[in-house]
Protein backbone atom coordinates (compact mmCIF):
# COMPACT_ATOMS: atom_id res chain seq x y z
CA UNK A 1 4.80 34.98 -12.10
CA UNK A 2 3.30 32.58 -14.56
CA UNK A 3 0.48 30.16 -15.09
CA UNK A 4 -3.20 30.72 -14.38
CA UNK A 5 -3.82 33.92 -12.35
CA UNK A 6 -6.21 33.44 -9.42
CA UNK A 7 -9.71 34.88 -9.49
CA UNK A 8 -9.50 38.38 -8.02
CA UNK A 9 -6.13 39.29 -9.47
CA UNK A 10 -4.54 40.18 -12.80
CA UNK A 11 -0.86 39.89 -13.64
CA UNK A 12 0.84 43.15 -14.55
CA UNK A 13 4.58 43.57 -14.68
CA UNK A 14 5.01 40.06 -13.28
CA UNK A 15 3.07 41.06 -10.15
CA UNK A 16 -0.44 40.41 -8.89
CA UNK A 17 -2.76 43.41 -9.07
CA UNK A 18 -6.25 43.35 -7.57
CA UNK A 19 -9.10 43.09 -10.08
CA UNK A 20 -11.81 45.02 -8.22
CA UNK A 21 -14.84 43.27 -9.73
CA UNK A 22 -13.38 39.80 -9.26
CA UNK A 23 -12.21 40.66 -5.74
CA UNK A 24 -15.83 41.39 -4.79
CA UNK A 25 -16.81 37.96 -6.12
CA UNK A 26 -14.08 36.32 -4.02
CA UNK A 27 -15.34 38.11 -0.90
CA UNK A 28 -18.88 37.03 -1.75
CA UNK A 29 -17.74 33.41 -2.01
CA UNK A 30 -16.13 33.51 1.43
CA UNK A 31 -19.13 35.26 3.03
CA UNK A 32 -21.73 32.97 1.52
CA UNK A 33 -19.77 29.84 2.41
CA UNK A 34 -19.93 30.94 6.04
CA UNK A 35 -23.67 31.65 5.68
CA UNK A 36 -24.51 28.35 3.98
CA UNK A 37 -21.86 26.00 5.40
CA UNK A 38 -22.24 23.91 2.24
CA UNK A 39 -20.09 23.88 -0.88
CA UNK A 40 -22.87 22.31 -2.94
CA UNK A 41 -25.45 24.97 -2.02
CA UNK A 42 -22.95 27.75 -2.68
CA UNK A 43 -22.02 26.33 -6.10
CA UNK A 44 -25.69 26.15 -7.09
CA UNK A 45 -26.20 29.74 -5.97
CA UNK A 46 -23.12 31.08 -7.79
CA UNK A 47 -23.97 29.35 -11.05
CA UNK A 48 -27.64 30.33 -10.86
CA UNK A 49 -26.55 33.97 -10.53
CA UNK A 50 -24.34 33.64 -13.61
CA UNK A 51 -20.98 33.86 -11.85
CA UNK A 52 -18.04 32.17 -13.56
CA UNK A 53 -14.42 31.34 -12.82
CA UNK A 54 -11.69 33.62 -14.12
CA UNK A 55 -11.33 34.39 -17.81
CA UNK A 56 -7.78 35.17 -18.85
CA UNK A 57 -5.37 35.29 -21.77
CA UNK A 58 -2.17 33.25 -21.75
CA UNK A 59 1.24 34.72 -22.56
CA UNK A 60 0.96 33.27 -26.07
CA UNK A 61 -2.38 35.00 -26.63
CA UNK A 62 -4.79 32.08 -26.05
CA UNK A 63 -8.05 33.18 -24.43
CA UNK A 64 -9.31 30.92 -21.62
CA UNK A 65 -12.97 31.63 -20.89
CA UNK A 66 -14.33 31.24 -17.37
CA UNK A 67 -16.63 28.32 -16.68
CA UNK A 68 -19.31 27.42 -14.15
CA UNK A 69 -18.11 26.70 -10.62
CA UNK A 70 -17.66 23.16 -9.37
CA UNK A 71 -16.40 21.85 -6.05
CA UNK A 72 -12.81 21.56 -7.22
CA UNK A 73 -12.59 25.22 -8.23
CA UNK A 74 -14.53 26.39 -5.17
CA UNK A 75 -12.30 24.58 -2.66
CA UNK A 76 -9.22 25.82 -4.49
CA UNK A 77 -10.42 29.40 -3.94
CA UNK A 78 -11.27 28.82 -0.27
CA UNK A 79 -7.81 27.34 0.38
CA UNK A 80 -5.77 29.84 -1.67
CA UNK A 81 -3.53 31.81 0.73
CA UNK A 82 -2.90 34.35 -2.00
CA UNK A 83 -6.11 36.04 -0.81
CA UNK A 84 -4.42 36.73 2.55
CA UNK A 85 -1.67 38.64 0.76
CA UNK A 86 0.71 35.69 1.07
CA UNK A 87 2.89 33.86 -1.44
CA UNK A 88 3.33 30.09 -1.15
CA UNK A 89 6.62 28.47 -2.15
CA UNK A 90 7.45 24.80 -1.60
CA UNK A 91 4.52 24.41 0.75
CA UNK A 92 5.45 27.39 2.96
CA UNK A 93 3.72 30.78 3.11
CA UNK A 94 5.55 34.09 3.02
CA UNK A 95 4.38 37.73 2.99
CA UNK A 96 3.60 38.69 -0.59
CA UNK A 97 3.97 41.98 -2.43
CA UNK A 98 0.30 42.05 -3.48
CA UNK A 99 -2.74 43.38 -1.62
CA UNK A 100 -4.89 40.89 0.33
CA UNK A 101 -8.54 40.39 -0.57
CA UNK A 102 -9.69 38.40 2.48
CA UNK A 103 -9.08 39.40 6.11
CA UNK A 104 -7.59 36.91 8.58
CA UNK A 105 -10.73 36.62 10.73
CA UNK A 106 -12.88 35.59 7.75
CA UNK A 107 -10.18 33.15 6.57
CA UNK A 108 -9.96 31.52 9.99
CA UNK A 109 -13.75 31.11 10.29
CA UNK A 110 -13.97 29.55 6.82
CA UNK A 111 -11.19 27.10 7.63
CA UNK A 112 -12.83 26.08 10.88
CA UNK A 113 -15.87 25.05 8.82
CA UNK A 114 -13.68 23.26 6.27
CA UNK A 115 -11.86 21.32 9.01
CA UNK A 116 -15.12 20.28 10.64
CA UNK A 117 -16.55 19.10 7.32
CA UNK A 118 -13.34 17.22 6.49
CA UNK A 119 -13.46 15.27 9.77
CA UNK A 120 -17.05 14.26 9.09
CA UNK A 121 -16.24 13.20 5.53
CA UNK A 122 -13.22 11.23 6.73
CA UNK A 123 -15.39 9.13 9.03
CA UNK A 124 -17.91 8.56 6.25
CA UNK A 125 -15.13 7.69 3.79
CA UNK A 126 -13.76 4.94 6.00
CA UNK A 127 -17.22 3.41 6.19
CA UNK A 128 -17.91 3.61 2.44
CA UNK A 129 -14.50 2.65 1.03
CA UNK A 130 -13.00 0.03 3.32
CA UNK A 131 -10.18 -1.20 1.04
CA UNK A 132 -8.78 1.48 -1.32
CA UNK A 133 -5.53 -0.51 -1.81
CA UNK A 134 -7.29 -3.69 -2.91
CA UNK A 135 -5.37 -5.46 -5.67
CA UNK A 136 -2.19 -3.36 -5.31
CA UNK A 137 -0.35 -5.02 -2.41
CA UNK A 138 2.04 -7.97 -2.44
CA UNK A 139 3.94 -9.70 0.35
CA UNK A 140 7.65 -9.63 -0.52
CA UNK A 141 8.40 -12.64 1.68
CA UNK A 142 5.85 -14.99 0.09
CA UNK A 143 5.43 -13.29 -3.31
CA UNK A 144 1.71 -13.53 -2.60
CA UNK A 145 -1.06 -10.99 -2.98
CA UNK A 146 -2.37 -9.29 0.14
CA UNK A 147 -6.13 -9.08 0.40
CA UNK A 148 -8.38 -6.99 2.64
CA UNK A 149 -10.18 -8.62 5.54
CA UNK A 150 -11.80 -7.50 8.77
CA UNK A 151 -12.99 -8.69 12.14
CA UNK A 152 -15.29 -7.31 14.82
CA UNK A 153 -14.51 -7.33 18.51
CA UNK A 154 -16.85 -5.85 21.09
CA UNK A 155 -18.80 -4.13 18.34
CA UNK A 156 -15.75 -2.42 16.82
CA UNK A 157 -14.54 -3.03 13.25
CA UNK A 158 -10.83 -3.83 12.72
CA UNK A 159 -9.54 -3.89 9.14
CA UNK A 160 -6.39 -5.62 7.84
CA UNK A 161 -4.59 -6.59 4.66
CA UNK A 162 -3.54 -10.22 5.01
CA UNK A 163 -0.94 -12.22 3.07
CA UNK A 164 -2.68 -14.99 1.14
CA UNK A 165 0.38 -17.21 1.48
CA UNK A 166 0.24 -16.91 5.27
CA UNK A 167 -3.49 -17.49 5.16
CA UNK A 168 -3.03 -20.76 3.26
CA UNK A 169 0.09 -22.10 4.99
CA UNK A 170 -0.27 -20.64 8.48
CA UNK A 171 0.71 -17.27 9.92
CA UNK A 172 3.89 -18.69 11.44
CA UNK A 173 5.28 -19.25 7.91
CA UNK A 174 5.35 -15.53 7.02
CA UNK A 175 6.92 -12.65 8.98
CA UNK A 176 4.64 -10.15 7.22
CA UNK A 177 1.38 -12.05 7.88
CA UNK A 178 -0.97 -9.04 8.06
CA UNK A 179 -0.84 -5.30 8.45
CA UNK A 180 -3.39 -2.90 9.90
CA UNK A 181 -5.30 -1.30 7.04
CA UNK A 182 -5.33 2.18 8.55
CA UNK A 183 -1.55 2.05 9.03
CA UNK A 184 -0.61 1.09 5.48
CA UNK A 185 -3.31 3.28 3.92
CA UNK A 186 -2.03 6.25 5.93
CA UNK A 187 1.56 5.62 4.82
CA UNK A 188 0.63 5.25 1.15
CA UNK A 189 -1.72 8.22 1.15
CA UNK A 190 0.95 10.33 2.85
CA UNK A 191 3.42 9.48 0.10
CA UNK A 192 0.90 10.33 -2.62
CA UNK A 193 -0.03 13.65 -1.03
CA UNK A 194 3.65 14.58 -0.67
CA UNK A 195 4.03 13.83 -4.37
CA UNK A 196 1.12 16.10 -5.25
CA UNK A 197 2.26 18.89 -2.91
CA UNK A 198 5.92 19.00 -4.00
CA UNK A 199 6.84 20.73 -7.28
CA UNK A 200 10.26 19.06 -7.15
CA UNK A 201 8.80 15.57 -6.84
CA UNK A 202 6.24 16.32 -9.54
CA UNK A 203 9.04 17.50 -11.84
CA UNK A 204 11.02 14.30 -11.25
CA UNK A 205 7.89 12.25 -11.85
CA UNK A 206 7.19 14.06 -15.11
CA UNK A 207 10.79 13.48 -16.20
CA UNK A 208 10.43 9.76 -15.52
CA UNK A 209 7.15 9.65 -17.46
CA UNK A 210 8.70 11.45 -20.41
CA UNK A 211 11.67 9.09 -20.45
CA UNK A 212 9.31 6.15 -20.75
CA UNK A 213 7.22 7.64 -23.54
CA UNK A 214 8.04 11.22 -24.45
CA UNK A 215 5.56 11.33 -27.33
CA UNK A 216 2.52 11.13 -25.08
CA UNK A 217 3.59 14.12 -22.99
CA UNK A 218 4.84 16.36 -25.75
CA UNK A 219 1.46 18.12 -25.98
CA UNK A 220 1.73 19.53 -22.44
CA UNK A 221 4.30 21.93 -21.07
CA UNK A 222 5.98 20.99 -17.80
CA UNK A 223 4.46 24.00 -16.07
CA UNK A 224 0.98 22.88 -17.08
CA UNK A 225 1.65 19.39 -15.74
CA UNK A 226 2.92 20.72 -12.41
CA UNK A 227 -0.10 23.02 -12.10
CA UNK A 228 -2.50 20.19 -12.96
CA UNK A 229 -1.10 17.75 -10.40
CA UNK A 230 -0.57 20.46 -7.79
CA UNK A 231 -4.25 21.46 -8.00
CA UNK A 232 -5.32 18.01 -6.80
CA UNK A 233 -3.68 17.92 -3.36
CA UNK A 234 -5.53 20.87 -1.75
CA UNK A 235 -8.94 19.34 -2.50
CA UNK A 236 -8.05 15.70 -1.77
CA UNK A 237 -10.12 15.57 1.43
CA UNK A 238 -13.19 16.78 -0.45
CA UNK A 239 -13.09 14.06 -3.12
CA UNK A 240 -15.56 11.21 -3.01
CA UNK A 241 -13.96 8.06 -1.50
CA UNK A 242 -14.49 6.17 -4.75
CA UNK A 243 -12.68 8.94 -6.64
CA UNK A 244 -9.78 8.86 -4.16
CA UNK A 245 -9.49 5.09 -4.69
CA UNK A 246 -9.59 5.53 -8.49
CA UNK A 247 -6.79 8.10 -8.39
CA UNK A 248 -4.68 5.82 -6.19
CA UNK A 249 -5.15 3.02 -8.74
CA UNK A 250 -4.03 5.39 -11.51
CA UNK A 251 -0.95 6.58 -9.64
CA UNK A 252 0.23 3.33 -8.04
CA UNK A 253 1.45 0.28 -9.92
CA UNK A 254 2.12 -1.87 -6.85
CA UNK A 255 2.86 -1.78 -3.14
CA UNK A 256 5.48 -4.25 -1.88
CA UNK A 257 5.21 -5.09 1.81
CA UNK A 258 8.30 -6.43 3.59
CA UNK A 259 8.80 -7.17 7.31
CA UNK A 260 10.71 -3.90 7.72
CA UNK A 261 8.64 -1.53 5.56
CA UNK A 262 6.76 -0.90 2.34
CA UNK A 263 7.78 0.22 -1.14
CA UNK A 264 5.43 2.10 -3.48
CA UNK A 265 6.00 1.91 -7.24
CA UNK A 266 4.24 4.59 -9.27
CA UNK A 267 2.50 3.81 -12.54
CA UNK A 268 3.91 5.99 -15.36
CA UNK A 269 1.01 5.32 -17.73
CA UNK A 270 -1.48 6.09 -14.98
CA UNK A 271 0.28 9.36 -14.15
CA UNK A 272 0.04 10.31 -17.83
CA UNK A 273 -3.68 9.55 -17.78
CA UNK A 274 -4.23 11.55 -14.61
CA UNK A 275 -2.30 14.56 -15.95
CA UNK A 276 -4.31 14.40 -19.18
CA UNK A 277 -7.60 14.30 -17.25
CA UNK A 278 -6.67 17.21 -15.01
CA UNK A 279 -5.29 19.27 -17.90
CA UNK A 280 -8.32 18.61 -20.11
CA UNK A 281 -10.68 19.60 -17.30
CA UNK A 282 -8.78 22.87 -16.86
CA UNK A 283 -8.73 23.57 -20.56
CA UNK A 284 -12.20 25.09 -20.73
CA UNK A 285 -15.92 24.64 -20.31
CA UNK A 286 -16.14 21.95 -22.96
CA UNK A 287 -13.60 19.68 -21.28
CA UNK A 288 -14.97 16.42 -19.85
CA UNK A 289 -15.93 16.58 -16.16
CA UNK A 290 -13.74 13.69 -15.10
CA UNK A 291 -12.08 14.55 -11.84
CA UNK A 292 -12.04 16.79 -8.77
CA UNK A 293 -15.72 16.00 -8.17
CA UNK A 294 -15.79 16.47 -4.44
CA UNK A 295 -18.02 15.08 -1.74
CA UNK A 296 -20.46 17.36 0.07
């Protein structure tokens, strides 16, 4: 056991032990989310009543004071399977040795609401942010940029990224020509979410970043970096579309599109910036509110 203990538990003898007062707050959060159906309303209520996230002391004796709730911390609580008495390792859940705080029926009802809200936000996101990969894509055949475009047929919107070389010289000159926006965005987003969800991939990414410029990362321990990046994936669906696009621009240097597939090159400097933002936000109540601001 290591890192930041979840609200509702303390770490004793390398095991999770229920903190009775905090456990009641966790149960309140789950109950009120079902009552209100809105993360924003619940956050306002919790903060108005003076509730705060967990205060704890690190192994080296540094005190981390709890702070007001925001959507990032709230969604992290609602999605934390630790409260079911489970332990998660490499994306899979196993029976834990600690006592559960939330019963399965309450968990299932909460996650039905979360899934419904996520579907609604996904539809709204596609309408508000039609080209999150703008400026990142290049056609490998023509060495030309690929730019977003769209067409409407029978009242339905179809989005594409089109090779500028093919656009200028004729589609028959380029085997790439164009690619459906939803297809390439889904592929790229899937790769990014696998990165954020995999401790092994995060560790390799951190190693690559450190090799490029070790001095910039010396202030953060590897465990803190993994925790910072890992905290982003569970709340990805709740982020504003503009924030999702900004994070993609930070993480991705370029996307090369060939006739037989795509290649995504990550941006080491951008990963450093993202880790610094996430880590500074988690550092305490005075940290800048820069990320994990989620949509309602």
